[in-house]
PDB file of N, CA and C in Angstrom:
ATOM      1  N   UNK A   1       0.750  -1.444   0.106  1.00  0.00           N
ATOM      2  CA  UNK A   1      -0.115  -0.258   0.215  1.00  0.00           C
ATOM      3  C   UNK A   1       0.597   0.841   0.071  1.00  0.00           C
ATOM      4  N   UNK A   2       1.955   1.127   0.745  1.00  0.00           N
ATOM      5  CA  UNK A   2       2.686   2.078   0.952  1.00  0.00           C
ATOM      6  C   UNK A   2       3.333   2.686  -0.542  1.00  0.00           C
ATOM      7  N   UNK A   3       4.111   1.268  -0.826  1.00  0.00           N
ATOM      8  CA  UNK A   3       4.966   1.808  -2.214  1.00  0.00           C
ATOM      9  C   UNK A   3       3.740   2.142  -3.296  1.00  0.00           C
ATOM     10  N   UNK A   4       2.710   1.746  -3.417  1.00  0.00           N
ATOM     11  CA  UNK A   4       1.245   2.483  -4.765  1.00  0.00           C
ATOM     12  C   UNK A   4       1.265   3.684  -4.089  1.00  0.00           C
ATOM     13  N   UNK A   5       0.920   4.077  -2.968  1.00  0.00           N
ATOM     14  CA  UNK A   5       1.055   5.873  -2.936  1.00  0.00           C
ATOM     15  C   UNK A   5       2.044   6.466  -3.186  1.00  0.00           C
ATOM     16  N   UNK A   6       3.269   5.811  -2.947  1.00  0.00           N
ATOM     17  CA  UNK A   6       4.449   6.776  -3.557  1.00  0.00           C
ATOM     18  C   UNK A   6       4.307   6.853  -5.128  1.00  0.00           C
ATOM     19  N   UNK A   7       4.200   5.371  -5.540  1.00  0.00           N
ATOM     20  CA  UNK A   7       4.000   5.876  -6.910  1.00  0.00           C
ATOM     21  C   UNK A   7       2.745   6.796  -7.597  1.00  0.00           C
ATOM     22  N   UNK A   8       1.925   6.900  -7.008  1.00  0.00           N
ATOM     23  CA  UNK A   8       0.760   7.670  -7.381  1.00  0.00           C
ATOM     24  C   UNK A   8       1.244   9.089  -7.301  1.00  0.00           C
ATOM     25  N   UNK A   9       1.982   9.301  -6.029  1.00  0.00           N
ATOM     26  CA  UNK A   9       2.497  10.720  -5.850  1.00  0.00           C
ATOM     27  C   UNK A   9       3.978  11.003  -7.026  1.00  0.00           C
ATOM     28  N   UNK A  10       4.470  10.013  -7.228  1.00  0.00           N
ATOM     29  CA  UNK A  10       5.498  10.646  -8.313  1.00  0.00           C
ATOM     30  C   UNK A  10       4.793  10.604  -9.631  1.00  0.00           C
ATOM     31  N   UNK A  11       3.886   9.929  -9.760  1.00  0.00           N
ATOM     32  CA  UNK A  11       3.146  10.056 -10.948  1.00  0.00           C
ATOM     33  C   UNK A  11       2.403  11.848 -11.408  1.00  0.00           C
ATOM     34  N   UNK A  12       1.664  11.987 -10.270  1.00  0.00           N
ATOM     35  CA  UNK A  12       1.140  13.337 -10.321  1.00  0.00           C
ATOM     36  C   UNK A  12       2.354  14.578  -9.854  1.00  0.00           C
ATOM     37  N   UNK A  13       3.464  14.529  -9.453  1.00  0.00           N
ATOM     38  CA  UNK A  13       4.299  14.965  -9.994  1.00  0.00           C
ATOM     39  C   UNK A  13       4.962  15.674 -11.165  1.00  0.00           C
ATOM     40  N   UNK A  14       5.459  14.162 -12.133  1.00  0.00           N
ATOM     41  CA  UNK A  14       5.173  14.306 -13.383  1.00  0.00           C
ATOM     42  C   UNK A  14       4.221  15.183 -14.353  1.00  0.00           C
ATOM     43  N   UNK A  15       3.095  14.495 -13.852  1.00  0.00           N
ATOM     44  CA  UNK A  15       1.899  15.094 -14.452  1.00  0.00           C
ATOM     45  C   UNK A  15       2.236  16.758 -14.464  1.00  0.00           C
ATOM     46  N   UNK A  16       2.368  17.338 -13.326  1.00  0.00           N
ATOM     47  CA  UNK A  16       2.111  18.345 -13.052  1.00  0.00           C
ATOM     48  C   UNK A  16       3.567  19.304 -13.771  1.00  0.00           C
ATOM     49  N   UNK A  17       4.462  18.903 -13.723  1.00  0.00           N
ATOM     50  CA  UNK A  17       6.178  19.084 -14.628  1.00  0.00           C
ATOM     51  C   UNK A  17       5.658  19.275 -15.938  1.00  0.00           C
ATOM     52  N   UNK A  18       4.950  18.259 -16.365  1.00  0.00           N
ATOM     53  CA  UNK A  18       4.912  18.544 -17.991  1.00  0.00           C
ATOM     54  C   UNK A  18       3.787  19.558 -18.254  1.00  0.00           C
ATOM     55  N   UNK A  19       2.698  19.512 -17.316  1.00  0.00           N
ATOM     56  CA  UNK A  19       1.856  20.774 -17.396  1.00  0.00           C
ATOM     57  C   UNK A  19       2.158  22.171 -17.558  1.00  0.00           C
ATOM     58  N   UNK A  20       3.526  22.365 -16.656  1.00  0.00           N
ATOM     59  CA  UNK A  20       4.280  23.236 -16.548  1.00  0.00           C
ATOM     60  C   UNK A  20       5.088  23.888 -17.501  1.00  0.00           C
ATOM     61  N   UNK A  21       5.711  22.432 -18.089  1.00  0.00           N
ATOM     62  CA  UNK A  21       6.384  22.792 -19.417  1.00  0.00           C
ATOM     63  C   UNK A  21       6.000  23.293 -20.731  1.00  0.00           C
ATOM     64  N   UNK A  22       4.652  22.240 -20.400  1.00  0.00           N
ATOM     65  CA  UNK A  22       4.025  22.775 -21.840  1.00  0.00           C
ATOM     66  C   UNK A  22       3.205  24.374 -21.754  1.00  0.00           C
ATOM     67  N   UNK A  23       2.776  24.703 -20.736  1.00  0.00           N
ATOM     68  CA  UNK A  23       2.349  26.119 -20.315  1.00  0.00           C
ATOM     69  C   UNK A  23       3.663  27.379 -20.508  1.00  0.00           C
ATOM     70  N   UNK A  24       5.079  26.942 -20.114  1.00  0.00           N
ATOM     71  CA  UNK A  24       6.203  27.798 -20.437  1.00  0.00           C
ATOM     72  C   UNK A  24       6.220  27.429 -22.019  1.00  0.00           C
ATOM     73  N   UNK A  25       6.225  26.730 -22.983  1.00  0.00           N
ATOM     74  CA  UNK A  25       6.605  26.471 -24.147  1.00  0.00           C
ATOM     75  C   UNK A  25       5.387  27.170 -25.026  1.00  0.00           C
ATOM     76  N   UNK A  26       4.185  27.073 -24.300  1.00  0.00           N
ATOM     77  CA  UNK A  26       3.140  28.227 -25.250  1.00  0.00           C
ATOM     78  C   UNK A  26       3.574  29.414 -24.696  1.00  0.00           C
ATOM     79  N   UNK A  27       3.982  30.165 -23.721  1.00  0.00           N
ATOM     80  CA  UNK A  27       4.232  31.357 -23.358  1.00  0.00           C
ATOM     81  C   UNK A  27       5.177  31.726 -24.020  1.00  0.00           C
ATOM     82  N   UNK A  28       6.279  31.088 -24.783  1.00  0.00           N
ATOM     83  CA  UNK A  28       7.325  31.078 -25.631  1.00  0.00           C
ATOM     84  C   UNK A  28       6.738  30.850 -26.831  1.00  0.00           C
TER      85      UNK A  28
END
């Protein structure tokens, strides 16, 4: 259960990073 939670957090962090990169790319 603990491992699954960590995996979920990582996925969320990656998704947020991609969204941020996309936003920056769109701005430029």
